[in-house]
Amino acid sequence: MSPRKKGIVDTGRLNGAEKAAIVLLSLGEEHVALWEQMDDEEVKEISQAMSSLGTVSAQVVEDLLFEFVSGLSTAGAIMGSFEQTQRLLSAFMPPEKVETLMEEIRGPAGRTMWDKLGNVNEAVLANYLKNEYPQTVAVVLSKIKGDHAARVLSALPEDFALECVQRMLRMEPVQREILDKIEQTLRTEFMSNLARTSKRDSHEMMADIFNSFDRQTESRFIAALEERNRESAERIRALMFVFEDLGKLDPGGVQTLLRTVEKDKLALALKGASDALREMFFSNMSERAAKIMRDDMESMGPVRLRDVDQAQMSMVQVAKDLAAKGEIMLAGQGGDDELVY
């Protein structure tokens, strides 16, 4: 979708869809019969243009529709917005169709469905396609750009991706009705859901912020929030990934983390760890390495809590970075099967 225009004052810069959108906006709901003469693609193109107009000056309206200027408001200006577009479409379209269309307009940019898919993150698209038939995935990947298709394939389970590649190699021209059905499915099941969930959950955002607090600040904020909104506090706590959650790593994950984290940071972090978590790390070291680590921790003597917090936060960040690369798997507090990346 093109960026919202601010104060359109020159008709020479408007394309056909934008001109039609201004005319239809000025005519309002009393002339919805005009919309009924268009096909779905025309309605979609004009709706998308309409929702991005912003303020249109009186001069532009007059130049485009001078015979109707007298019927405009005293200000002579009109405003194109998502809300106004949705209200006009609702006058002649079924509510579910209007909702689908508006969600698609709000979704990834692109005139066609395949353009839009090209702007969807490969991990998000792969997560959806992994539940589809390999033949359907083959059709979708054949319709998007090669570099994007390559990234999507890399994000799919290996055996499934290979099956999709084989289908693509054997694929014959796809019948128009089959392609139309796939497009419709993507539009109603994928793009609509993507538009609904594109906004980041506010509790996830706050959990990330709380993860970055030192221990005392985190406790203070959580306690204060519990007094005002216990449900939100509990949800944030469930979404947070903290140092003690490293105890849920499998042995391979622990050993990968041990190879990556700085030894002085590890010793400092373990000084403030629970006995169970400390022993879990020691049990994944060689007997000699564990003895050296214990001796290093003993020789430190008393350490500041702030330094321990920083070391533990550093280890958590290293673990998250490794998980993002797919080298380890982190189980979040939300459940044993939940993955945190």
Protein backbone atom coordinates (compact mmCIF):
# COMPACT_ATOMS: atom_id res chain seq x y z
CA MET A 1 0.00 0.00 0.00
CA SER A 2 1.39 3.42 -0.93
CA PRO A 3 2.13 5.87 1.89
CA ARG A 4 -0.78 8.06 2.99
CA LYS A 5 -0.81 11.35 1.06
CA LYS A 6 -1.01 14.60 3.01
CA GLY A 7 -3.00 17.39 1.41
CA ILE A 8 -3.48 16.39 -2.24
CA VAL A 9 -3.44 19.64 -4.26
CA ASP A 10 -2.36 18.54 -7.75
CA THR A 11 -4.55 16.32 -9.94
CA GLY A 12 -1.62 15.68 -12.28
CA ARG A 13 -0.04 13.36 -9.73
CA LEU A 14 -3.16 11.23 -9.21
CA ASN A 15 -3.55 7.89 -10.95
CA GLY A 16 -6.85 6.55 -12.27
CA ALA A 17 -7.73 4.61 -9.13
CA GLU A 18 -7.12 7.67 -6.92
CA LYS A 19 -9.26 9.90 -9.17
CA ALA A 20 -12.07 7.35 -9.11
CA ALA A 21 -11.77 7.10 -5.32
CA ILE A 22 -12.16 10.89 -4.93
CA VAL A 23 -15.19 10.94 -7.22
CA LEU A 24 -16.86 8.07 -5.35
CA LEU A 25 -16.06 9.64 -1.98
CA SER A 26 -17.67 12.89 -3.06
CA LEU A 27 -20.76 11.07 -4.32
CA GLY A 28 -21.13 9.25 -1.01
CA GLU A 29 -23.46 6.42 -0.10
CA GLU A 30 -26.37 7.59 -2.22
CA HIS A 31 -24.66 6.43 -5.40
CA VAL A 32 -23.44 2.97 -4.35
CA ALA A 33 -24.93 1.53 -7.55
CA LEU A 34 -21.72 2.66 -9.28
CA TRP A 35 -19.73 0.24 -7.17
CA GLU A 36 -21.97 -2.63 -8.19
CA GLN A 37 -20.90 -2.18 -11.81
CA MET A 38 -17.28 -3.05 -10.95
CA ASP A 39 -15.62 -6.43 -10.59
CA ASP A 40 -13.87 -7.49 -7.39
CA GLU A 41 -10.40 -6.45 -8.59
CA GLU A 42 -11.61 -2.94 -9.49
CA VAL A 43 -13.38 -2.57 -6.14
CA LYS A 44 -10.22 -3.69 -4.35
CA GLU A 45 -7.94 -1.32 -6.29
CA ILE A 46 -10.18 1.72 -5.77
CA SER A 47 -10.78 0.83 -2.10
CA GLN A 48 -7.06 0.61 -1.47
CA ALA A 49 -6.52 3.98 -3.16
CA MET A 50 -9.42 5.51 -1.20
CA SER A 51 -8.11 4.33 2.17
CA SER A 52 -4.75 6.04 1.47
CA LEU A 53 -5.97 9.42 0.18
CA GLY A 54 -5.77 11.50 3.32
CA THR A 55 -7.05 15.07 2.89
CA VAL A 56 -8.06 16.12 -0.64
CA SER A 57 -8.24 19.86 -1.27
CA ALA A 58 -11.37 21.54 -2.57
CA GLN A 59 -9.55 22.58 -5.75
CA VAL A 60 -8.72 18.97 -6.61
CA VAL A 61 -12.32 17.91 -6.01
CA GLU A 62 -13.53 20.82 -8.15
CA ASP A 63 -11.16 19.96 -10.98
CA LEU A 64 -12.25 16.33 -10.97
CA LEU A 65 -15.95 16.82 -10.42
CA PHE A 66 -16.76 20.50 -10.92
CA GLU A 67 -20.44 19.86 -11.52
CA PHE A 68 -20.78 18.47 -8.00
CA VAL A 69 -18.79 21.09 -6.08
CA SER A 70 -21.97 22.75 -4.86
CA GLY A 71 -22.97 19.52 -3.15
CA LEU A 72 -19.80 19.32 -1.09
CA SER A 73 -19.40 20.54 2.46
CA THR A 74 -18.71 24.20 3.24
CA ALA A 75 -15.04 23.37 3.71
CA GLY A 76 -15.00 21.83 0.26
CA ALA A 77 -12.64 19.11 1.35
CA ILE A 78 -13.11 15.37 1.86
CA MET A 79 -11.17 12.85 3.89
CA GLY A 80 -10.32 9.35 2.71
CA SER A 81 -9.60 6.89 5.50
CA PHE A 82 -9.96 3.22 6.40
CA GLU A 83 -13.08 4.01 8.40
CA GLN A 84 -14.74 6.04 5.63
CA THR A 85 -13.88 3.39 3.03
CA GLN A 86 -15.27 0.62 5.21
CA ARG A 87 -18.49 2.58 5.85
CA LEU A 88 -19.08 3.13 2.13
CA LEU A 89 -18.38 -0.49 1.22
CA SER A 90 -20.73 -1.67 3.97
CA ALA A 91 -23.61 0.07 2.20
CA PHE A 92 -23.66 -2.54 -0.58
CA MET A 93 -21.38 -5.43 0.42
CA PRO A 94 -21.97 -8.24 2.92
CA PRO A 95 -20.20 -7.48 6.24
CA GLU A 96 -17.89 -10.51 6.02
CA LYS A 97 -16.76 -9.52 2.52
CA VAL A 98 -16.08 -5.93 3.62
CA GLU A 99 -14.08 -7.17 6.60
CA THR A 100 -11.98 -9.49 4.43
CA LEU A 101 -11.31 -6.72 1.92
CA MET A 102 -10.32 -4.16 4.57
CA GLU A 103 -8.05 -6.66 6.33
CA GLU A 104 -6.33 -7.36 3.02
CA ILE A 105 -5.84 -3.64 2.40
CA ARG A 106 -4.24 -3.32 5.83
CA GLY A 107 -2.06 -6.37 5.16
CA PRO A 108 1.26 -6.61 3.27
CA ALA A 109 1.68 -4.28 0.29
CA GLY A 110 1.11 -5.50 -3.25
CA ARG A 111 -1.59 -5.34 -5.90
CA THR A 112 -1.95 -9.08 -6.47
CA MET A 113 -1.96 -11.92 -3.96
CA TRP A 114 1.47 -13.04 -5.16
CA ASP A 115 2.87 -9.52 -4.73
CA LYS A 116 1.55 -9.53 -1.18
CA LEU A 117 3.09 -12.92 -0.41
CA GLY A 118 6.43 -11.55 -1.58
CA ASN A 119 6.28 -9.06 1.31
CA VAL A 120 5.49 -11.65 3.98
CA ASN A 121 8.37 -12.76 6.20
CA GLU A 122 9.61 -16.17 5.07
CA ALA A 123 9.31 -17.70 8.55
CA VAL A 124 5.68 -16.57 8.83
CA LEU A 125 4.84 -17.88 5.36
CA ALA A 126 6.65 -21.16 5.98
CA ASN A 127 4.80 -21.66 9.25
CA TYR A 128 1.50 -21.43 7.35
CA LEU A 129 2.55 -23.51 4.33
CA LYS A 130 3.95 -26.41 6.37
CA ASN A 131 0.35 -27.44 7.11
CA GLU A 132 -0.69 -27.40 3.44
CA TYR A 133 -0.44 -30.14 0.82
CA PRO A 134 3.00 -30.29 -0.86
CA GLN A 135 1.36 -29.73 -4.26
CA THR A 136 -0.30 -26.53 -3.00
CA VAL A 137 3.01 -25.32 -1.57
CA ALA A 138 4.69 -26.10 -4.90
CA VAL A 139 2.17 -23.91 -6.72
CA VAL A 140 2.62 -21.04 -4.24
CA LEU A 141 6.42 -21.18 -4.39
CA SER A 142 6.35 -21.25 -8.19
CA LYS A 143 4.39 -17.98 -8.20
CA ILE A 144 6.69 -15.91 -5.95
CA LYS A 145 10.21 -14.66 -6.62
CA GLY A 146 13.00 -17.21 -6.56
CA ASP A 147 15.01 -15.65 -3.74
CA HIS A 148 11.93 -15.48 -1.52
CA ALA A 149 10.93 -19.04 -2.41
CA ALA A 150 14.44 -20.18 -1.46
CA ARG A 151 14.16 -18.59 1.99
CA VAL A 152 10.72 -20.14 2.53
CA LEU A 153 12.01 -23.59 1.54
CA SER A 154 14.92 -23.20 3.96
CA ALA A 155 12.45 -22.45 6.76
CA LEU A 156 10.28 -25.53 6.05
CA PRO A 157 10.97 -28.97 7.61
CA GLU A 158 13.64 -30.60 5.43
CA ASP A 159 11.67 -33.69 4.31
CA PHE A 160 8.59 -31.59 3.55
CA ALA A 161 10.68 -29.03 1.64
CA LEU A 162 12.26 -31.78 -0.45
CA GLU A 163 8.81 -33.16 -1.31
CA CYS A 164 7.74 -29.67 -2.41
CA VAL A 165 10.84 -29.35 -4.59
CA GLN A 166 10.06 -32.67 -6.27
CA ARG A 167 6.48 -31.52 -6.92
CA MET A 168 7.78 -28.28 -8.43
CA LEU A 169 10.10 -30.21 -10.75
CA ARG A 170 7.21 -32.37 -12.01
CA MET A 171 4.63 -29.61 -12.04
CA GLU A 172 2.56 -29.03 -15.18
CA PRO A 173 0.64 -25.82 -16.04
CA VAL A 174 -1.93 -25.17 -13.31
CA GLN A 175 -5.56 -24.84 -14.32
CA ARG A 176 -7.01 -21.37 -13.80
CA GLU A 177 -9.77 -22.56 -11.49
CA ILE A 178 -7.26 -24.34 -9.22
CA LEU A 179 -5.08 -21.25 -9.09
CA ASP A 180 -8.12 -19.11 -8.28
CA LYS A 181 -9.06 -21.46 -5.45
CA ILE A 182 -5.55 -21.30 -3.97
CA GLU A 183 -5.59 -17.49 -4.20
CA GLN A 184 -8.95 -17.35 -2.46
CA THR A 185 -7.76 -19.66 0.31
CA LEU A 186 -4.65 -17.55 0.85
CA ARG A 187 -6.76 -14.42 0.92
CA THR A 188 -9.38 -15.65 3.39
CA GLU A 189 -7.32 -17.94 5.62
CA PHE A 190 -3.81 -16.49 5.59
CA MET A 191 -3.88 -12.78 4.72
CA SER A 192 -6.90 -12.06 6.90
CA ASN A 193 -5.31 -13.78 9.92
CA LEU A 194 -2.00 -12.06 9.19
CA ALA A 195 -3.69 -8.65 9.20
CA ARG A 196 -5.41 -9.46 12.49
CA THR A 197 -2.21 -10.61 14.22
CA SER A 198 0.28 -8.19 12.67
CA LYS A 199 0.26 -6.00 15.75
CA ARG A 200 2.62 -7.23 18.45
CA ASP A 201 0.91 -8.27 21.65
CA SER A 202 1.45 -5.57 24.27
CA HIS A 203 2.13 -8.17 26.96
CA GLU A 204 4.93 -9.69 24.85
CA MET A 205 6.45 -6.23 24.46
CA MET A 206 6.31 -5.63 28.21
CA ALA A 207 7.78 -9.07 28.93
CA ASP A 208 10.82 -8.12 26.81
CA ILE A 209 11.13 -4.86 28.73
CA PHE A 210 10.81 -6.60 32.10
CA ASN A 211 13.46 -9.12 31.01
CA SER A 212 15.88 -6.19 30.66
CA PHE A 213 15.26 -4.88 34.20
CA ASP A 214 17.63 -5.73 37.00
CA ARG A 215 16.14 -8.07 39.58
CA GLN A 216 15.09 -5.39 42.07
CA THR A 217 13.46 -3.16 39.44
CA GLU A 218 11.63 -6.12 37.92
CA SER A 219 10.29 -7.21 41.31
CA ARG A 220 9.18 -3.67 42.13
CA PHE A 221 7.28 -3.23 38.86
CA ILE A 222 5.69 -6.69 38.97
CA ALA A 223 4.54 -6.14 42.57
CA ALA A 224 3.07 -2.73 41.71
CA LEU A 225 1.35 -4.10 38.62
CA GLU A 226 -0.13 -7.01 40.59
CA GLU A 227 -1.90 -4.51 42.84
CA ARG A 228 -3.51 -2.78 39.86
CA ASN A 229 -3.97 -5.58 37.33
CA ARG A 230 -3.14 -9.07 38.57
CA GLU A 231 -4.14 -10.72 35.28
CA SER A 232 -1.70 -8.62 33.24
CA ALA A 233 1.08 -9.16 35.78
CA GLU A 234 0.62 -12.93 35.63
CA ARG A 235 0.53 -12.89 31.83
CA ILE A 236 3.75 -10.84 31.63
CA ARG A 237 5.46 -13.15 34.13
CA ALA A 238 4.42 -16.19 32.05
CA LEU A 239 5.88 -14.63 28.88
CA MET A 240 9.18 -13.63 30.45
CA PHE A 241 12.26 -15.80 29.93
CA VAL A 242 14.58 -15.49 32.92
CA PHE A 243 17.87 -17.01 34.03
CA GLU A 244 16.28 -19.84 36.00
CA ASP A 245 14.48 -20.97 32.82
CA LEU A 246 17.87 -22.13 31.50
CA GLY A 247 17.27 -25.14 33.74
CA LYS A 248 14.79 -26.36 31.10
CA LEU A 249 17.52 -26.73 28.47
CA ASP A 250 18.26 -30.25 27.24
CA PRO A 251 21.85 -31.55 27.77
CA GLY A 252 22.87 -30.66 24.21
CA GLY A 253 21.57 -27.13 24.67
CA VAL A 254 23.43 -26.73 27.97
CA GLN A 255 26.71 -27.86 26.40
CA THR A 256 26.24 -25.52 23.42
CA LEU A 257 25.61 -22.62 25.80
CA LEU A 258 28.65 -23.53 27.90
CA ARG A 259 30.86 -23.47 24.79
CA THR A 260 29.55 -20.03 23.83
CA VAL A 261 29.27 -18.04 27.05
CA GLU A 262 32.32 -16.30 28.53
CA LYS A 263 33.74 -18.27 31.47
CA ASP A 264 34.00 -15.27 33.80
CA LYS A 265 30.36 -14.38 33.08
CA LEU A 266 29.33 -17.98 33.75
CA ALA A 267 31.09 -18.07 37.11
CA LEU A 268 29.54 -14.76 38.17
CA ALA A 269 26.06 -15.80 36.99
CA LEU A 270 26.22 -19.13 38.83
CA LYS A 271 27.16 -17.36 42.07
CA GLY A 272 23.56 -16.14 42.24
CA ALA A 273 21.91 -19.27 40.81
CA SER A 274 19.84 -21.78 42.73
CA ASP A 275 21.61 -24.95 43.88
CA ALA A 276 19.62 -27.02 41.37
CA LEU A 277 20.52 -24.83 38.40
CA ARG A 278 24.15 -24.65 39.48
CA GLU A 279 24.38 -28.43 39.70
CA MET A 280 22.70 -28.79 36.31
CA PHE A 281 25.48 -26.76 34.69
CA PHE A 282 28.21 -28.57 36.62
CA SER A 283 26.83 -31.98 35.60
CA ASN A 284 27.24 -31.01 31.94
CA MET A 285 30.93 -30.14 32.39
CA SER A 286 33.85 -32.50 32.67
CA GLU A 287 34.86 -33.27 36.26
CA ARG A 288 37.99 -31.17 35.88
CA ALA A 289 36.15 -28.18 34.32
CA ALA A 290 33.51 -28.29 37.06
CA LYS A 291 36.21 -28.27 39.78
CA ILE A 292 37.95 -25.29 38.17
CA MET A 293 34.63 -23.42 37.94
CA ARG A 294 33.83 -24.12 41.62
CA ASP A 295 37.29 -22.90 42.64
CA ASP A 296 36.89 -19.73 40.56
CA MET A 297 33.52 -19.02 42.16
CA GLU A 298 34.95 -19.63 45.65
CA SER A 299 37.89 -17.29 45.02
CA MET A 300 35.54 -14.47 44.02
CA GLY A 301 34.30 -14.00 47.55
CA PRO A 302 31.24 -11.74 47.98
CA VAL A 303 29.96 -10.18 44.73
CA ARG A 304 27.50 -7.38 44.07
CA LEU A 305 23.97 -8.44 43.21
CA ARG A 306 23.96 -5.95 40.32
CA ASP A 307 26.98 -7.68 38.75
CA VAL A 308 25.32 -11.09 39.15
CA ASP A 309 22.15 -9.77 37.49
CA GLN A 310 24.12 -8.40 34.55
CA ALA A 311 26.00 -11.68 34.10
CA GLN A 312 22.75 -13.68 34.21
CA MET A 313 21.06 -11.32 31.74
CA SER A 314 24.07 -11.69 29.45
CA MET A 315 23.73 -15.48 29.55
CA VAL A 316 20.01 -15.29 28.81
CA GLN A 317 20.74 -13.07 25.79
CA VAL A 318 23.38 -15.51 24.53
CA ALA A 319 20.84 -18.32 24.89
CA LYS A 320 18.22 -16.33 22.95
CA ASP A 321 20.72 -15.60 20.19
CA LEU A 322 21.59 -19.30 19.92
CA ALA A 323 17.87 -20.17 19.80
CA ALA A 324 17.30 -17.61 17.04
CA LYS A 325 20.01 -19.38 15.01
CA GLY A 326 18.36 -22.74 15.66
CA GLU A 327 21.34 -24.06 17.63
CA ILE A 328 19.43 -24.64 20.88
CA MET A 329 15.77 -24.87 21.93
CA LEU A 330 14.40 -22.79 24.78
CA ALA A 331 11.25 -23.83 26.63
CA GLY A 332 9.38 -20.80 27.94
CA GLN A 333 7.50 -20.47 31.17
CA GLY A 334 4.22 -20.58 29.26
CA GLY A 335 4.47 -24.36 28.89
CA ASP A 336 6.91 -27.18 28.31
CA ASP A 337 6.19 -27.26 24.58
CA GLU A 338 6.30 -23.51 23.99
CA LEU A 339 9.33 -22.26 22.08
CA VAL A 340 10.97 -18.91 22.75
CA TYR A 341 13.16 -17.49 20.00
